[in-house]
Amino acid sequence: LTTYNINITSISVPPLQLTISTFGAFHLKTLMTVPFAHLVVVKAPHGGWVFKHRSSGDPKLAPEAIDLTCCAQQIPNFRYFASSTTAGFQWSDHVLAFITTITEADSHGIVLVREVVVLCTWWGYRLVIDLENKNPVEGGGIKVMLAIKEFALRGLEDMVTGWENSGSDPNYPWQKTTPSDSWVYPTSFAHHVGLLQIEEATEWLLKLEAIDPSFETSLCSSDFGWYSVYGVRRAAQIALRRIGKATPRGLPSTTFRPPIQFSTNAEEELAFFEACEAFKTHQGKHCKVVDLRCGMSAISVARILGAPDFVGRAPFGDFWRYDIDKSEGGASYSYTLLVWLSKSKHVDKAVRFSPPLWSCDIDSLFVRHSARDDSHKSRRLSVGEGPVVGADGDTVYAYCHKLENSHSFQGHKDTLDLASIATSDE
């Protein structure tokens, strides 16, 4: 057996080693993991402050610069919400960061004007740092909150207007809708107006949900096959539910790509895609839940409820998640429905969670089973530590055991009574 080792390096992926044997077999393995870049704020040549990403190989930071990634690790419970990976902590999803000034009077009545950086995490913590002395700012609460709301709402309006005017052109530089003294992602504005329940954002979120999402998809793989996630649309729908002034239209936030793993023939596969495409609204979905049956195929589930809002994985099975809005007798309420599927992709059971998993108070839905050591000397993560619902509203695989634990969910959870059907009838 003769092997040839070829090292492959790239600035965009971790270094890989390709091993080619004389039998013609190819083997790829990662040699190392490239650390995540740090978010920093630095002085620009014109004298103002700007945000940038700093990689491990970049020149040393200037003395006046601030490494916001290091500062974020001082946040209480940071290691609970941040995902620990071999590349470092993944924490900056939906981050909203900008520079502003706050005015306040000291104990002697002297008015002070501070230039600060405001950083809002996906789980709702707000970090404010004085750019002059690099220390966290304890005061300025209401003024900082107003600045955050104004920045998030204005940014959402500008982004939606820009996308509408460009015809949802994927090359439209949405970054231009924010000044250089800010750092956001396409989902940041929708995420934070939802967390803060800013009612004035409702009109813009409804427009954002309706924008063609095909240019901002992320491709994912599962046991069901390949599927795409429309991240911005999903963020808009979750935000609308959190604000509560309007119900999302329910346009699909996921779509499957051919081939799908649970179809047995081309005709069945076509029927599945037609079912997902035909279901364009959440309206009336609650009334159709009663049509679910144990043993029903995933294709039949799609015909009844459309494509799932989330494709979920857990150590003990896979599920499709639907966030359902119900109106009855002038009152409205929402719940989350998990449709658990067998290995053959037929319905095992359906479980309803109320309040729904997208609720604003992210950390109150599930009990923490063990204390968290947030000291910076301890980097070990205990089993069961971490939020069940992650940054994008999806469930986190490592903590999905809490979905089945009867004592974990701090709400009402019930398994629906579904009549059984013979799978052969499908």
Protein backbone atom coordinates (compact mmCIF):
# COMPACT_ATOMS: atom_id res chain seq x y z
CA LEU A 1 0.00 0.00 0.00
CA THR A 2 1.46 3.32 -1.10
CA THR A 3 -0.03 6.64 -0.06
CA TYR A 4 0.68 10.17 -1.19
CA ASN A 5 -0.04 13.04 1.18
CA ILE A 6 -0.95 16.39 -0.28
CA ASN A 7 -1.52 19.39 1.98
CA ILE A 8 -4.25 21.73 0.81
CA THR A 9 -4.48 25.22 2.28
CA SER A 10 -7.01 27.95 1.64
CA ILE A 11 -7.90 31.23 3.27
CA SER A 12 -11.56 30.19 3.40
CA VAL A 13 -11.40 26.62 4.77
CA PRO A 14 -9.27 24.83 7.36
CA PRO A 15 -6.06 23.22 5.98
CA LEU A 16 -6.80 19.72 4.69
CA GLN A 17 -4.70 16.68 3.94
CA LEU A 18 -5.64 14.56 0.93
CA THR A 19 -4.44 10.95 1.10
CA ILE A 20 -4.48 8.95 -2.15
CA SER A 21 -3.82 5.21 -1.94
CA THR A 22 -2.69 2.96 -4.79
CA PHE A 23 -6.14 1.35 -4.60
CA GLY A 24 -7.63 4.65 -5.76
CA ALA A 25 -9.23 5.58 -2.45
CA PHE A 26 -9.34 9.24 -1.43
CA HIS A 27 -9.33 10.37 2.18
CA LEU A 28 -9.62 13.94 3.45
CA LYS A 29 -8.85 14.97 7.01
CA THR A 30 -8.55 18.32 8.72
CA LEU A 31 -5.06 19.18 9.92
CA MET A 32 -6.15 22.06 12.12
CA THR A 33 -9.03 24.42 12.76
CA VAL A 34 -8.78 28.06 11.81
CA PRO A 35 -9.96 30.18 14.78
CA PHE A 36 -12.94 32.46 14.34
CA ALA A 37 -12.04 36.06 13.57
CA HIS A 38 -12.53 38.52 16.44
CA LEU A 39 -14.85 41.50 16.18
CA VAL A 40 -12.87 44.64 17.03
CA VAL A 41 -13.40 48.38 16.98
CA VAL A 42 -10.46 50.49 15.81
CA LYS A 43 -9.58 54.08 14.99
CA ALA A 44 -10.03 54.89 11.31
CA PRO A 45 -7.61 57.16 9.41
CA HIS A 46 -10.21 59.93 9.50
CA GLY A 47 -10.24 59.74 13.28
CA GLY A 48 -13.58 58.04 13.86
CA TRP A 49 -14.23 54.53 15.14
CA VAL A 50 -15.04 51.61 12.82
CA PHE A 51 -15.72 47.92 13.23
CA LYS A 52 -13.74 45.15 11.55
CA HIS A 53 -12.98 41.47 11.78
CA ARG A 54 -9.49 40.58 12.96
CA SER A 55 -8.07 37.16 12.13
CA SER A 56 -5.37 35.42 14.15
CA GLY A 57 -2.69 36.25 11.58
CA ASP A 58 -3.48 39.98 11.37
CA PRO A 59 -1.08 42.61 12.75
CA LYS A 60 -1.24 43.38 16.45
CA LEU A 61 -4.03 45.73 17.49
CA ALA A 62 -3.22 49.36 18.18
CA PRO A 63 -3.30 50.30 21.89
CA GLU A 64 -6.56 52.26 21.52
CA ALA A 65 -8.40 49.41 19.76
CA ILE A 66 -10.93 47.25 21.61
CA ASP A 67 -11.37 43.53 21.05
CA LEU A 68 -15.13 43.12 21.43
CA THR A 69 -14.95 39.32 21.28
CA CYS A 70 -12.76 39.33 24.39
CA CYS A 71 -15.08 41.85 26.05
CA ALA A 72 -18.13 39.72 25.23
CA GLN A 73 -16.59 36.78 27.08
CA GLN A 74 -16.93 38.82 30.29
CA ILE A 75 -20.72 38.84 29.91
CA PRO A 76 -22.53 36.85 32.61
CA ASN A 77 -23.57 33.40 31.35
CA PHE A 78 -21.61 33.93 28.12
CA ARG A 79 -20.55 30.29 28.02
CA TYR A 80 -24.14 29.18 28.42
CA PHE A 81 -25.34 30.94 25.29
CA ALA A 82 -22.18 30.83 23.16
CA SER A 83 -21.44 27.60 21.31
CA SER A 84 -18.04 26.14 22.13
CA THR A 85 -16.26 24.83 19.02
CA THR A 86 -12.72 23.86 18.05
CA ALA A 87 -12.47 27.29 16.38
CA GLY A 88 -13.47 29.15 19.54
CA PHE A 89 -16.81 30.45 20.78
CA GLN A 90 -19.53 31.05 18.23
CA TRP A 91 -21.55 33.86 19.73
CA SER A 92 -22.00 36.71 17.24
CA ASP A 93 -25.07 35.50 15.30
CA HIS A 94 -27.56 38.39 14.84
CA VAL A 95 -25.16 40.73 16.67
CA LEU A 96 -26.13 44.40 16.63
CA ALA A 97 -23.21 46.75 17.32
CA PHE A 98 -22.87 50.48 16.77
CA ILE A 99 -21.18 53.64 18.01
CA THR A 100 -23.20 56.38 19.70
CA THR A 101 -22.90 59.10 22.34
CA ILE A 102 -24.67 59.32 25.66
CA THR A 103 -25.04 62.45 27.75
CA GLU A 104 -25.33 62.31 31.54
CA ALA A 105 -24.55 64.42 34.59
CA ASP A 106 -22.08 63.37 37.27
CA SER A 107 -22.59 63.73 41.05
CA HIS A 108 -21.58 67.42 40.83
CA GLY A 109 -24.06 68.24 38.10
CA ILE A 110 -21.41 68.45 35.39
CA VAL A 111 -22.70 67.23 32.03
CA LEU A 112 -20.55 64.48 30.51
CA VAL A 113 -20.67 63.35 26.89
CA ARG A 114 -19.38 59.84 26.32
CA GLU A 115 -18.71 58.11 23.05
CA VAL A 116 -19.58 54.45 23.53
CA VAL A 117 -19.84 51.21 21.61
CA VAL A 118 -23.11 49.34 22.13
CA LEU A 119 -23.14 45.60 21.49
CA CYS A 120 -26.36 43.56 21.63
CA THR A 121 -26.12 39.76 21.64
CA TRP A 122 -28.66 37.40 20.11
CA TRP A 123 -29.93 36.40 23.56
CA GLY A 124 -30.65 40.02 24.49
CA TYR A 125 -27.68 41.08 26.65
CA ARG A 126 -26.48 44.64 26.07
CA LEU A 127 -22.81 45.53 26.55
CA VAL A 128 -21.86 49.24 26.60
CA ILE A 129 -18.18 50.22 26.60
CA ASP A 130 -16.69 53.70 26.98
CA LEU A 131 -14.39 54.18 23.99
CA GLU A 132 -12.10 56.55 25.90
CA ASN A 133 -11.23 54.42 28.91
CA LYS A 134 -12.38 51.00 27.53
CA ASN A 135 -14.46 50.33 30.64
CA PRO A 136 -18.04 49.04 30.69
CA VAL A 137 -20.61 51.77 31.27
CA GLU A 138 -23.01 51.04 34.10
CA GLY A 139 -25.29 54.04 33.70
CA GLY A 140 -27.23 55.48 30.77
CA GLY A 141 -29.82 52.69 30.81
CA ILE A 142 -32.88 54.36 29.31
CA LYS A 143 -30.82 56.47 26.90
CA VAL A 144 -28.93 53.43 25.64
CA MET A 145 -32.17 51.50 25.23
CA LEU A 146 -33.72 54.31 23.20
CA ALA A 147 -30.59 54.44 21.02
CA ILE A 148 -30.79 50.69 20.41
CA LYS A 149 -34.46 50.84 19.46
CA GLU A 150 -33.90 53.78 17.12
CA PHE A 151 -30.89 52.13 15.46
CA ALA A 152 -32.65 48.76 15.01
CA LEU A 153 -35.85 50.30 13.63
CA ARG A 154 -34.05 52.70 11.29
CA GLY A 155 -31.79 49.92 10.07
CA LEU A 156 -34.76 47.65 9.36
CA GLU A 157 -36.53 50.39 7.40
CA ASP A 158 -33.41 51.18 5.35
CA MET A 159 -32.68 47.52 4.62
CA VAL A 160 -36.23 46.71 3.49
CA THR A 161 -36.41 49.86 1.37
CA GLY A 162 -33.07 49.05 -0.21
CA TRP A 163 -34.09 45.49 -1.06
CA GLU A 164 -37.45 46.63 -2.45
CA ASN A 165 -35.81 49.29 -4.63
CA SER A 166 -33.23 46.81 -5.93
CA GLY A 167 -35.82 44.17 -6.81
CA SER A 168 -34.21 41.79 -4.32
CA ASP A 169 -31.02 41.78 -6.39
CA PRO A 170 -28.58 39.44 -4.62
CA ASN A 171 -25.77 41.86 -5.46
CA TYR A 172 -27.46 44.73 -3.64
CA PRO A 173 -24.97 45.91 -0.99
CA TRP A 174 -27.27 45.88 2.04
CA GLN A 175 -24.29 46.93 4.14
CA LYS A 176 -24.68 50.43 2.69
CA THR A 177 -27.92 50.84 4.61
CA THR A 178 -25.84 51.17 7.81
CA PRO A 179 -22.97 53.55 8.48
CA SER A 180 -19.37 52.36 8.84
CA ASP A 181 -19.57 52.78 12.61
CA SER A 182 -21.86 49.74 12.97
CA TRP A 183 -21.70 45.97 12.59
CA VAL A 184 -24.79 43.95 11.71
CA TYR A 185 -25.89 40.93 9.69
CA PRO A 186 -28.94 40.74 7.39
CA THR A 187 -30.96 39.11 10.19
CA SER A 188 -29.83 41.45 12.97
CA PHE A 189 -32.44 44.18 12.63
CA ALA A 190 -35.43 41.83 12.45
CA HIS A 191 -34.10 39.74 15.33
CA HIS A 192 -33.65 42.67 17.70
CA VAL A 193 -36.86 44.58 16.91
CA GLY A 194 -38.59 41.30 17.77
CA LEU A 195 -36.70 40.82 21.02
CA LEU A 196 -37.46 44.41 22.01
CA GLN A 197 -41.08 44.06 20.79
CA ILE A 198 -40.97 47.33 18.82
CA GLU A 199 -44.52 47.66 17.48
CA GLU A 200 -43.53 50.28 14.89
CA ALA A 201 -41.49 47.59 13.14
CA THR A 202 -44.57 45.49 12.26
CA GLU A 203 -45.18 47.09 8.85
CA TRP A 204 -41.56 46.63 7.82
CA LEU A 205 -41.40 43.04 9.04
CA LEU A 206 -44.46 42.13 6.96
CA LYS A 207 -42.72 43.60 3.91
CA LEU A 208 -39.51 41.76 4.78
CA GLU A 209 -41.34 38.43 5.02
CA ALA A 210 -42.79 38.94 1.52
CA ILE A 211 -39.46 39.75 -0.20
CA ASP A 212 -38.15 37.01 -2.50
CA PRO A 213 -35.74 35.12 -0.22
CA SER A 214 -33.96 33.06 -2.89
CA PHE A 215 -30.83 35.21 -2.80
CA GLU A 216 -30.16 34.76 0.93
CA THR A 217 -30.58 31.04 1.43
CA SER A 218 -28.32 28.68 3.32
CA LEU A 219 -28.13 25.06 2.16
CA CYS A 220 -28.41 22.35 4.82
CA SER A 221 -28.26 18.57 4.83
CA SER A 222 -30.39 16.16 6.83
CA ASP A 223 -31.64 12.59 6.79
CA PHE A 224 -34.53 13.94 4.70
CA GLY A 225 -32.20 15.24 2.01
CA TRP A 226 -30.94 18.72 1.13
CA TYR A 227 -33.03 21.72 2.09
CA SER A 228 -32.66 25.50 2.04
CA VAL A 229 -33.32 27.88 4.92
CA TYR A 230 -34.53 31.42 4.26
CA GLY A 231 -32.88 33.05 7.26
CA VAL A 232 -34.14 36.62 6.85
CA ARG A 233 -37.74 35.51 6.24
CA ARG A 234 -37.56 33.23 9.28
CA ALA A 235 -36.21 36.08 11.42
CA ALA A 236 -39.05 38.35 10.22
CA GLN A 237 -41.70 35.74 11.07
CA ILE A 238 -40.32 35.12 14.56
CA ALA A 239 -40.12 38.87 15.19
CA LEU A 240 -43.75 39.38 14.11
CA ARG A 241 -44.87 36.68 16.53
CA ARG A 242 -42.86 38.19 19.38
CA ILE A 243 -44.31 41.65 18.79
CA GLY A 244 -47.83 40.27 18.50
CA LYS A 245 -49.46 43.06 16.48
CA ALA A 246 -49.79 41.04 13.28
CA THR A 247 -49.65 37.39 12.29
CA PRO A 248 -47.06 36.34 9.70
CA ARG A 249 -48.45 35.39 6.32
CA GLY A 250 -46.62 32.11 6.79
CA LEU A 251 -44.65 32.05 3.55
CA PRO A 252 -42.24 29.07 3.53
CA SER A 253 -39.02 29.57 5.48
CA THR A 254 -37.60 26.22 4.34
CA THR A 255 -37.73 24.40 1.04
CA PHE A 256 -36.42 20.96 0.11
CA ARG A 257 -34.13 20.23 -2.81
CA PRO A 258 -34.30 17.10 -4.96
CA PRO A 259 -33.57 14.31 -4.43
CA ILE A 260 -35.29 13.65 -1.10
CA GLN A 261 -34.30 10.59 0.86
CA PHE A 262 -37.74 9.43 1.98
CA SER A 263 -39.41 9.10 -1.44
CA THR A 264 -39.64 5.78 -3.26
CA ASN A 265 -40.25 7.06 -6.77
CA ALA A 266 -40.21 10.20 -8.91
CA GLU A 267 -43.99 10.60 -8.80
CA GLU A 268 -43.99 10.58 -4.98
CA GLU A 269 -41.12 13.07 -4.90
CA LEU A 270 -42.94 15.44 -7.26
CA ALA A 271 -46.05 15.22 -5.09
CA PHE A 272 -43.99 16.25 -2.07
CA PHE A 273 -42.53 19.34 -3.75
CA GLU A 274 -45.92 20.35 -5.11
CA ALA A 275 -47.39 20.05 -1.62
CA CYS A 276 -44.68 22.26 -0.12
CA GLU A 277 -44.99 24.87 -2.87
CA ALA A 278 -48.79 24.94 -2.82
CA PHE A 279 -48.94 25.72 0.90
CA LYS A 280 -48.21 29.44 1.03
CA THR A 281 -49.84 30.54 4.26
CA HIS A 282 -50.15 29.61 7.93
CA GLN A 283 -53.79 30.69 7.99
CA GLY A 284 -56.00 27.80 9.03
CA LYS A 285 -53.05 25.54 9.77
CA HIS A 286 -54.24 24.93 13.34
CA CYS A 287 -57.50 23.44 12.01
CA LYS A 288 -55.52 20.97 9.90
CA VAL A 289 -53.46 19.57 12.77
CA VAL A 290 -56.34 17.20 13.58
CA ASP A 291 -55.75 15.51 10.21
CA LEU A 292 -52.34 14.18 11.30
CA ARG A 293 -52.14 10.44 11.92
CA CYS A 294 -49.58 8.12 13.43
CA GLY A 295 -47.90 6.20 10.62
CA MET A 296 -48.57 8.98 8.10
CA SER A 297 -45.73 9.63 5.65
CA ALA A 298 -43.70 12.84 5.68
CA ILE A 299 -45.12 13.61 2.25
CA SER A 300 -48.65 13.50 3.65
CA VAL A 301 -47.59 15.78 6.53
CA ALA A 302 -46.37 18.31 3.94
CA ARG A 303 -49.71 18.09 2.12
CA ILE A 304 -51.50 18.96 5.35
CA LEU A 305 -49.19 21.52 6.99
CA GLY A 306 -46.75 22.50 4.24
CA ALA A 307 -42.97 22.53 4.57
CA PRO A 308 -41.80 22.67 8.20
CA ASP A 309 -40.58 25.92 9.72
CA PHE A 310 -37.58 24.02 11.09
CA VAL A 311 -36.04 20.63 10.35
CA GLY A 312 -34.93 19.32 13.75
CA ARG A 313 -32.48 16.65 14.85
CA ALA A 314 -32.14 15.05 18.27
CA PRO A 315 -30.06 12.14 19.58
CA PHE A 316 -33.21 10.01 19.74
CA GLY A 317 -34.89 10.99 16.47
CA ASP A 318 -35.74 13.64 13.90
CA PHE A 319 -38.70 15.99 13.79
CA TRP A 320 -40.38 18.67 11.78
CA ARG A 321 -41.28 21.80 13.71
CA TYR A 322 -44.24 24.03 12.98
CA ASP A 323 -44.90 27.35 14.76
CA ILE A 324 -48.66 27.66 14.62
CA ASP A 325 -50.81 30.76 15.11
CA LYS A 326 -54.40 30.24 16.20
CA SER A 327 -57.28 32.71 16.28
CA GLU A 328 -60.51 31.76 17.96
CA GLY A 329 -63.40 33.83 19.27
CA GLY A 330 -61.52 37.08 18.77
CA ALA A 331 -58.56 35.85 20.81
CA SER A 332 -55.29 34.58 19.38
CA TYR A 333 -52.50 32.48 20.73
CA SER A 334 -49.61 30.46 19.36
CA TYR A 335 -47.91 27.17 20.05
CA THR A 336 -45.09 25.03 18.66
CA LEU A 337 -45.83 21.61 17.21
CA LEU A 338 -43.09 18.99 16.88
CA VAL A 339 -43.95 16.15 14.50
CA TRP A 340 -41.57 13.31 15.37
CA LEU A 341 -40.70 11.01 12.46
CA SER A 342 -39.45 7.43 12.44
CA LYS A 343 -36.40 6.19 10.54
CA SER A 344 -38.72 5.37 7.65
CA LYS A 345 -39.95 9.00 7.80
CA HIS A 346 -43.45 8.27 9.06
CA VAL A 347 -45.16 10.04 11.94
CA ASP A 348 -44.38 8.60 15.38
CA LYS A 349 -46.09 11.28 17.44
CA ALA A 350 -46.92 14.99 17.57
CA VAL A 351 -46.13 17.08 20.66
CA ARG A 352 -47.48 20.57 21.36
CA PHE A 353 -45.51 23.17 23.37
CA SER A 354 -47.12 26.23 24.90
CA PRO A 355 -45.72 28.86 25.20
CA PRO A 356 -44.10 28.37 21.80
CA LEU A 357 -40.36 27.86 21.44
CA TRP A 358 -39.88 31.29 19.85
CA SER A 359 -40.95 33.11 23.05
CA CYS A 360 -39.01 36.26 23.89
CA ASP A 361 -37.78 35.11 27.29
CA ILE A 362 -35.39 32.61 25.73
CA ASP A 363 -33.83 31.30 28.94
CA SER A 364 -37.06 30.75 30.90
CA LEU A 365 -38.53 28.00 28.72
CA PHE A 366 -36.31 25.18 29.99
CA VAL A 367 -34.75 24.42 33.36
CA ARG A 368 -31.00 24.46 33.68
CA HIS A 369 -30.03 21.10 35.09
CA SER A 370 -26.62 22.08 36.43
CA ALA A 371 -24.84 25.19 37.66
CA ARG A 372 -22.65 27.04 35.22
CA ASP A 373 -19.07 27.90 36.04
CA ASP A 374 -18.48 31.19 34.28
CA SER A 375 -14.99 31.75 35.68
CA HIS A 376 -12.48 32.28 32.94
CA LYS A 377 -10.23 29.57 34.35
CA SER A 378 -12.84 26.92 33.69
CA ARG A 379 -13.68 26.16 30.06
CA ARG A 380 -15.22 22.74 30.57
CA LEU A 381 -18.85 22.40 29.59
CA SER A 382 -21.03 20.03 31.59
CA VAL A 383 -23.62 17.80 29.95
CA GLY A 384 -27.00 19.50 29.66
CA GLU A 385 -25.66 23.06 29.76
CA GLY A 386 -26.87 25.36 27.03
CA PRO A 387 -30.11 26.74 25.59
CA VAL A 388 -32.44 24.33 23.83
CA VAL A 389 -33.37 27.12 21.41
CA GLY A 390 -30.39 28.73 19.69
CA ALA A 391 -29.66 32.00 17.96
CA ASP A 392 -31.84 31.50 14.88
CA GLY A 393 -34.77 30.03 16.81
CA ASP A 394 -33.80 26.48 15.90
CA THR A 395 -33.28 23.74 18.47
CA VAL A 396 -29.70 22.88 19.47
CA TYR A 397 -28.89 19.19 18.92
CA ALA A 398 -26.72 18.83 22.04
CA TYR A 399 -29.55 19.93 24.35
CA CYS A 400 -32.59 18.42 22.62
CA HIS A 401 -32.89 15.80 25.36
CA LYS A 402 -34.72 18.52 27.31
CA LEU A 403 -37.55 18.34 24.76
CA GLU A 404 -38.40 14.87 26.03
CA ASN A 405 -37.65 15.43 29.72
CA SER A 406 -40.99 15.89 31.44
CA HIS A 407 -39.50 18.20 34.09
CA SER A 408 -37.48 20.47 31.79
CA PHE A 409 -40.07 22.51 29.89
CA GLN A 410 -41.53 25.37 31.93
CA GLY A 411 -44.90 25.41 30.27
CA HIS A 412 -47.59 23.07 29.02
CA LYS A 413 -46.50 20.14 26.85
CA ASP A 414 -48.89 17.51 25.60
CA THR A 415 -48.74 14.64 23.13
CA LEU A 416 -51.63 14.81 20.71
CA ASP A 417 -53.98 11.85 20.44
CA LEU A 418 -53.47 10.83 16.83
CA ALA A 419 -55.40 7.93 15.40
CA SER A 420 -53.20 5.38 13.65
CA ILE A 421 -53.28 4.50 9.97
CA ALA A 422 -51.67 1.65 8.08
CA THR A 423 -48.55 2.86 6.27
CA SER A 424 -49.48 0.69 3.32
CA ASP A 425 -52.44 2.99 2.71
CA GLU A 426 -50.02 5.77 1.93
